[in-house]
């Protein structure tokens, strides 16, 4: 089976740290689509979580459900930049365990592009 050449990252981040995460993604060249770079989408969301024993939450209290506004950042990332992008985002993100979903992509905005490694 061929490996995807691109992945979609979904990153949940407090608005206070959006600029740092956006700049980290740009440094890794995530969001590079054709002759454009820094391409990403941002949506406001309401997230919830409950820190468990041993957690040192950025937001919330251990044992209590926390509900707070966040931003969902969606960006494409080439496979060869994925590890760098993840490391830079984690360094810029304030959470102990940032929620970063990584989804393989079959296409990135260009209908006649070969999206899989050979």
N, C-alpha and C. Protein backbone atom coordinates (compact mmCIF):
# COMPACT_ATOMS: atom_id res chain seq x y z
N UNK A 1 0.83 -1.18 0.00
CA UNK A 1 0.00 0.00 0.00
C UNK A 1 0.88 1.25 0.00
N UNK A 2 0.49 2.21 -0.79
CA UNK A 2 1.27 3.44 -0.87
C UNK A 2 0.95 4.35 0.32
N UNK A 3 1.94 5.11 0.74
CA UNK A 3 1.79 6.01 1.88
C UNK A 3 1.28 7.37 1.40
N UNK A 4 0.43 8.01 2.18
CA UNK A 4 -0.02 9.35 1.80
C UNK A 4 1.15 10.34 1.78
N UNK A 5 1.10 11.27 0.86
CA UNK A 5 2.11 12.31 0.79
C UNK A 5 1.73 13.52 1.61
N UNK A 6 0.44 13.62 1.97
CA UNK A 6 -0.05 14.76 2.73
C UNK A 6 -0.96 14.31 3.87
N UNK A 7 -0.97 15.12 4.91
CA UNK A 7 -1.83 14.89 6.05
C UNK A 7 -2.54 16.19 6.40
N UNK A 8 -3.71 16.06 6.98
CA UNK A 8 -4.42 17.21 7.51
C UNK A 8 -4.23 17.20 9.02
N UNK A 9 -3.80 18.32 9.56
CA UNK A 9 -3.68 18.47 11.01
C UNK A 9 -4.87 19.27 11.50
N UNK A 10 -5.49 18.79 12.55
CA UNK A 10 -6.53 19.53 13.27
C UNK A 10 -5.95 19.80 14.66
N UNK A 11 -5.79 21.07 14.96
CA UNK A 11 -5.15 21.47 16.21
C UNK A 11 -6.12 22.34 17.00
N UNK A 12 -6.35 22.00 18.25
CA UNK A 12 -7.22 22.78 19.11
C UNK A 12 -6.35 23.60 20.05
N UNK A 13 -6.55 24.92 20.04
CA UNK A 13 -5.65 25.81 20.77
C UNK A 13 -6.44 26.99 21.34
N UNK A 14 -6.06 27.47 22.54
CA UNK A 14 -6.71 28.67 23.03
C UNK A 14 -6.33 29.87 22.14
N UNK A 15 -7.25 30.81 22.01
CA UNK A 15 -7.02 31.95 21.13
C UNK A 15 -5.74 32.70 21.49
N UNK A 16 -5.39 32.71 22.77
CA UNK A 16 -4.19 33.41 23.23
C UNK A 16 -2.91 32.88 22.61
N UNK A 17 -2.92 31.63 22.13
CA UNK A 17 -1.72 31.01 21.57
C UNK A 17 -1.84 30.73 20.07
N UNK A 18 -2.89 31.26 19.45
CA UNK A 18 -3.06 31.01 18.02
C UNK A 18 -1.89 31.53 17.20
N UNK A 19 -1.45 32.76 17.45
CA UNK A 19 -0.36 33.33 16.65
C UNK A 19 0.90 32.47 16.74
N UNK A 20 1.22 31.98 17.93
CA UNK A 20 2.42 31.16 18.11
C UNK A 20 2.30 29.84 17.35
N UNK A 21 1.12 29.23 17.40
CA UNK A 21 0.91 27.97 16.67
C UNK A 21 0.93 28.22 15.16
N UNK A 22 0.27 29.28 14.72
CA UNK A 22 0.28 29.64 13.29
C UNK A 22 1.71 29.84 12.79
N UNK A 23 2.53 30.55 13.56
CA UNK A 23 3.90 30.81 13.16
C UNK A 23 4.75 29.53 13.17
N UNK A 24 4.46 28.63 14.13
CA UNK A 24 5.17 27.35 14.18
C UNK A 24 4.85 26.52 12.93
N UNK A 25 3.59 26.52 12.52
CA UNK A 25 3.20 25.80 11.31
C UNK A 25 3.90 26.38 10.08
N UNK A 26 3.98 27.71 10.02
CA UNK A 26 4.65 28.35 8.89
C UNK A 26 6.14 28.01 8.88
N UNK A 27 6.75 27.96 10.05
CA UNK A 27 8.17 27.61 10.12
C UNK A 27 8.43 26.20 9.59
N UNK A 28 7.46 25.30 9.80
CA UNK A 28 7.58 23.93 9.30
C UNK A 28 7.12 23.80 7.86
N UNK A 29 6.65 24.88 7.27
CA UNK A 29 6.11 24.90 5.90
C UNK A 29 4.83 24.09 5.77
N UNK A 30 4.13 23.88 6.89
CA UNK A 30 2.79 23.30 6.82
C UNK A 30 1.88 24.38 6.24
N UNK A 31 0.90 23.96 5.46
CA UNK A 31 0.02 24.93 4.82
C UNK A 31 0.55 25.40 3.48
N UNK A 32 1.53 24.71 2.95
CA UNK A 32 2.07 25.04 1.62
C UNK A 32 1.26 24.27 0.58
N UNK A 33 0.51 25.01 -0.24
CA UNK A 33 -0.34 24.40 -1.26
C UNK A 33 -0.01 25.06 -2.60
N UNK A 34 0.64 24.29 -3.48
CA UNK A 34 1.00 24.84 -4.78
C UNK A 34 1.89 26.05 -4.65
N UNK A 35 1.46 27.18 -5.21
CA UNK A 35 2.25 28.40 -5.15
C UNK A 35 1.76 29.35 -4.06
N UNK A 36 1.16 28.78 -3.01
CA UNK A 36 0.72 29.53 -1.84
C UNK A 36 1.31 28.88 -0.59
N UNK A 37 1.57 29.70 0.40
CA UNK A 37 1.97 29.13 1.69
C UNK A 37 1.14 29.78 2.79
N UNK A 38 1.31 29.28 4.02
CA UNK A 38 0.57 29.75 5.19
C UNK A 38 -0.94 29.60 5.02
N UNK A 39 -1.36 28.57 4.27
CA UNK A 39 -2.79 28.30 4.05
C UNK A 39 -3.31 27.47 5.22
N UNK A 40 -4.32 27.99 5.89
CA UNK A 40 -4.97 27.24 6.96
C UNK A 40 -6.35 27.80 7.19
N UNK A 41 -7.16 27.06 7.91
CA UNK A 41 -8.50 27.49 8.29
C UNK A 41 -8.58 27.51 9.80
N UNK A 42 -9.37 28.46 10.31
CA UNK A 42 -9.54 28.60 11.75
C UNK A 42 -11.03 28.74 12.04
N UNK A 43 -11.51 27.95 12.99
CA UNK A 43 -12.92 28.00 13.39
C UNK A 43 -13.02 28.08 14.91
N UNK A 44 -13.93 28.90 15.41
CA UNK A 44 -14.16 28.89 16.87
C UNK A 44 -14.94 27.64 17.27
N UNK A 45 -14.54 27.04 18.37
CA UNK A 45 -15.22 25.85 18.90
C UNK A 45 -15.35 25.99 20.41
N UNK A 46 -16.22 25.19 20.99
CA UNK A 46 -16.29 25.07 22.44
C UNK A 46 -15.83 23.67 22.78
N UNK A 47 -14.79 23.58 23.58
CA UNK A 47 -14.22 22.28 23.94
C UNK A 47 -14.47 22.00 25.42
N UNK A 48 -14.35 20.74 25.77
CA UNK A 48 -14.46 20.38 27.19
C UNK A 48 -13.47 19.28 27.52
N UNK A 49 -13.02 19.26 28.75
CA UNK A 49 -12.08 18.26 29.23
C UNK A 49 -12.12 18.26 30.75
N UNK A 50 -11.63 17.17 31.33
CA UNK A 50 -11.52 17.07 32.78
C UNK A 50 -10.12 16.61 33.11
N UNK A 51 -9.32 17.46 33.71
CA UNK A 51 -7.98 17.05 34.13
C UNK A 51 -8.05 15.97 35.21
N UNK A 52 -7.27 14.94 35.05
CA UNK A 52 -7.24 13.84 36.02
C UNK A 52 -6.08 14.03 36.99
N UNK A 53 -6.04 13.20 38.05
CA UNK A 53 -4.97 13.27 39.04
C UNK A 53 -3.61 13.24 38.35
N UNK A 54 -2.74 14.11 38.78
CA UNK A 54 -1.40 14.20 38.21
C UNK A 54 -1.28 15.24 37.11
N UNK A 55 -2.41 15.71 36.60
CA UNK A 55 -2.38 16.73 35.54
C UNK A 55 -2.02 18.08 36.13
N UNK A 56 -1.39 18.90 35.30
CA UNK A 56 -1.11 20.30 35.64
C UNK A 56 -1.72 21.12 34.51
N UNK A 57 -3.04 21.31 34.54
CA UNK A 57 -3.72 21.92 33.40
C UNK A 57 -3.39 23.40 33.20
N UNK A 58 -3.27 23.78 31.96
CA UNK A 58 -3.15 25.19 31.58
C UNK A 58 -4.44 25.91 31.93
N UNK A 59 -5.56 25.23 31.73
CA UNK A 59 -6.87 25.79 32.00
C UNK A 59 -7.71 24.69 32.66
N UNK A 60 -8.37 25.02 33.75
CA UNK A 60 -9.20 24.05 34.44
C UNK A 60 -8.60 23.62 35.76
N UNK A 61 -9.36 22.78 36.47
CA UNK A 61 -8.99 22.30 37.79
C UNK A 61 -9.08 20.78 37.79
N UNK A 62 -8.09 20.14 38.40
CA UNK A 62 -8.06 18.68 38.46
C UNK A 62 -9.37 18.17 39.05
N UNK A 63 -9.98 17.21 38.36
CA UNK A 63 -11.20 16.57 38.81
C UNK A 63 -12.49 17.27 38.41
N UNK A 64 -12.38 18.46 37.82
CA UNK A 64 -13.57 19.22 37.44
C UNK A 64 -13.65 19.36 35.91
N UNK A 65 -14.86 19.24 35.39
CA UNK A 65 -15.08 19.43 33.97
C UNK A 65 -14.86 20.90 33.62
N UNK A 66 -14.07 21.14 32.60
CA UNK A 66 -13.80 22.49 32.12
C UNK A 66 -14.41 22.62 30.73
N UNK A 67 -15.14 23.69 30.50
CA UNK A 67 -15.70 24.01 29.19
C UNK A 67 -15.18 25.39 28.82
N UNK A 68 -14.56 25.50 27.66
CA UNK A 68 -13.94 26.78 27.29
C UNK A 68 -13.90 26.95 25.78
N UNK A 69 -13.87 28.19 25.32
CA UNK A 69 -13.72 28.43 23.89
C UNK A 69 -12.29 28.14 23.45
N UNK A 70 -12.16 27.61 22.27
CA UNK A 70 -10.86 27.36 21.65
C UNK A 70 -10.99 27.67 20.17
N UNK A 71 -9.86 27.59 19.48
CA UNK A 71 -9.86 27.67 18.03
C UNK A 71 -9.44 26.31 17.48
N UNK A 72 -10.10 25.89 16.41
CA UNK A 72 -9.71 24.68 15.70
C UNK A 72 -8.95 25.14 14.45
N UNK A 73 -7.70 24.76 14.36
CA UNK A 73 -6.85 25.11 13.23
C UNK A 73 -6.73 23.88 12.35
N UNK A 74 -7.01 24.05 11.06
CA UNK A 74 -6.90 22.95 10.10
C UNK A 74 -5.88 23.36 9.04
N UNK A 75 -4.93 22.47 8.78
CA UNK A 75 -3.86 22.78 7.85
C UNK A 75 -3.36 21.49 7.21
N UNK A 76 -2.93 21.57 5.96
CA UNK A 76 -2.32 20.39 5.33
C UNK A 76 -0.81 20.44 5.56
N UNK A 77 -0.22 19.27 5.59
CA UNK A 77 1.21 19.17 5.85
C UNK A 77 1.76 18.00 5.04
N UNK A 78 2.86 18.23 4.35
CA UNK A 78 3.47 17.13 3.60
C UNK A 78 4.08 16.13 4.57
N UNK A 79 4.13 14.89 4.16
CA UNK A 79 4.64 13.81 5.01
C UNK A 79 6.07 14.08 5.46
N UNK A 80 6.87 14.67 4.57
CA UNK A 80 8.27 14.92 4.93
C UNK A 80 8.44 16.06 5.92
N UNK A 81 7.40 16.85 6.17
CA UNK A 81 7.45 17.95 7.14
C UNK A 81 6.66 17.66 8.41
N UNK A 82 6.00 16.50 8.46
CA UNK A 82 5.08 16.19 9.54
C UNK A 82 5.76 16.18 10.91
N UNK A 83 6.86 15.48 11.06
CA UNK A 83 7.53 15.39 12.37
C UNK A 83 7.99 16.77 12.84
N UNK A 84 8.53 17.57 11.93
CA UNK A 84 8.96 18.92 12.28
C UNK A 84 7.77 19.77 12.69
N UNK A 85 6.69 19.70 11.93
CA UNK A 85 5.50 20.48 12.25
C UNK A 85 4.97 20.11 13.64
N UNK A 86 4.88 18.82 13.93
CA UNK A 86 4.37 18.39 15.23
C UNK A 86 5.26 18.88 16.37
N UNK A 87 6.57 18.79 16.21
CA UNK A 87 7.49 19.25 17.26
C UNK A 87 7.36 20.75 17.49
N UNK A 88 7.28 21.52 16.41
CA UNK A 88 7.17 22.98 16.55
C UNK A 88 5.83 23.39 17.14
N UNK A 89 4.75 22.73 16.75
CA UNK A 89 3.44 23.05 17.32
C UNK A 89 3.42 22.71 18.80
N UNK A 90 3.94 21.55 19.17
CA UNK A 90 3.95 21.18 20.60
C UNK A 90 4.76 22.18 21.42
N UNK A 91 5.85 22.69 20.86
CA UNK A 91 6.67 23.67 21.58
C UNK A 91 5.94 25.00 21.75
N UNK A 92 5.07 25.36 20.80
CA UNK A 92 4.35 26.63 20.85
C UNK A 92 3.03 26.54 21.61
N UNK A 93 2.56 25.34 21.85
CA UNK A 93 1.23 25.11 22.44
C UNK A 93 1.32 25.10 23.96
N UNK A 94 0.34 25.70 24.66
CA UNK A 94 0.45 25.77 26.12
C UNK A 94 0.00 24.51 26.88
N UNK A 95 -0.70 23.59 26.22
CA UNK A 95 -1.26 22.45 26.93
C UNK A 95 -0.22 21.36 27.17
N UNK A 96 -0.38 20.64 28.29
CA UNK A 96 0.46 19.46 28.57
C UNK A 96 0.33 18.43 27.45
N UNK A 97 -0.92 18.20 27.04
CA UNK A 97 -1.22 17.23 26.00
C UNK A 97 -2.10 17.93 24.94
N UNK A 98 -1.47 18.59 23.97
CA UNK A 98 -2.27 19.26 22.94
C UNK A 98 -3.05 18.24 22.11
N UNK A 99 -4.27 18.61 21.74
CA UNK A 99 -5.05 17.75 20.85
C UNK A 99 -4.66 18.11 19.42
N UNK A 100 -3.97 17.17 18.78
CA UNK A 100 -3.56 17.32 17.39
C UNK A 100 -3.98 16.05 16.66
N UNK A 101 -5.01 16.16 15.86
CA UNK A 101 -5.46 15.02 15.06
C UNK A 101 -4.71 15.04 13.74
N UNK A 102 -4.27 13.86 13.31
CA UNK A 102 -3.51 13.72 12.07
C UNK A 102 -4.28 12.78 11.15
N UNK A 103 -4.75 13.32 10.02
CA UNK A 103 -5.58 12.56 9.09
C UNK A 103 -4.89 12.44 7.74
N UNK A 104 -4.75 11.23 7.19
CA UNK A 104 -4.18 11.10 5.85
C UNK A 104 -5.11 11.73 4.83
N UNK A 105 -4.51 12.38 3.84
CA UNK A 105 -5.30 13.06 2.81
C UNK A 105 -5.11 12.39 1.45
N UNK A 106 -6.17 12.37 0.69
CA UNK A 106 -6.11 11.86 -0.68
C UNK A 106 -5.94 12.99 -1.68
N UNK A 107 -6.06 14.22 -1.24
CA UNK A 107 -5.92 15.35 -2.14
C UNK A 107 -5.68 16.63 -1.38
N UNK A 108 -5.01 17.56 -2.04
CA UNK A 108 -4.72 18.86 -1.45
C UNK A 108 -5.00 19.94 -2.48
N UNK A 109 -6.26 20.21 -2.75
CA UNK A 109 -6.65 21.35 -3.56
C UNK A 109 -6.33 21.30 -5.04
N UNK A 110 -5.60 20.29 -5.50
CA UNK A 110 -5.21 20.23 -6.91
C UNK A 110 -5.70 18.89 -7.47
N UNK A 111 -6.72 18.89 -8.34
CA UNK A 111 -7.36 17.63 -8.75
C UNK A 111 -6.47 16.68 -9.56
N UNK A 112 -5.43 17.14 -10.21
CA UNK A 112 -4.64 16.23 -11.04
C UNK A 112 -3.28 15.91 -10.43
N UNK A 113 -3.14 16.03 -9.13
CA UNK A 113 -1.87 15.81 -8.45
C UNK A 113 -1.79 14.37 -7.97
N UNK A 114 -0.61 13.75 -8.01
CA UNK A 114 -0.41 12.41 -7.48
C UNK A 114 -0.11 12.52 -6.00
N UNK A 115 -1.04 12.08 -5.15
CA UNK A 115 -0.97 12.34 -3.73
C UNK A 115 -0.27 11.26 -2.93
N UNK A 116 0.14 10.19 -3.55
CA UNK A 116 0.76 9.10 -2.81
C UNK A 116 2.20 8.91 -3.24
N UNK A 117 3.03 8.48 -2.26
CA UNK A 117 4.41 8.13 -2.59
C UNK A 117 4.41 6.93 -3.50
N UNK A 118 5.36 6.83 -4.34
CA UNK A 118 5.46 5.70 -5.25
C UNK A 118 6.29 4.61 -4.66
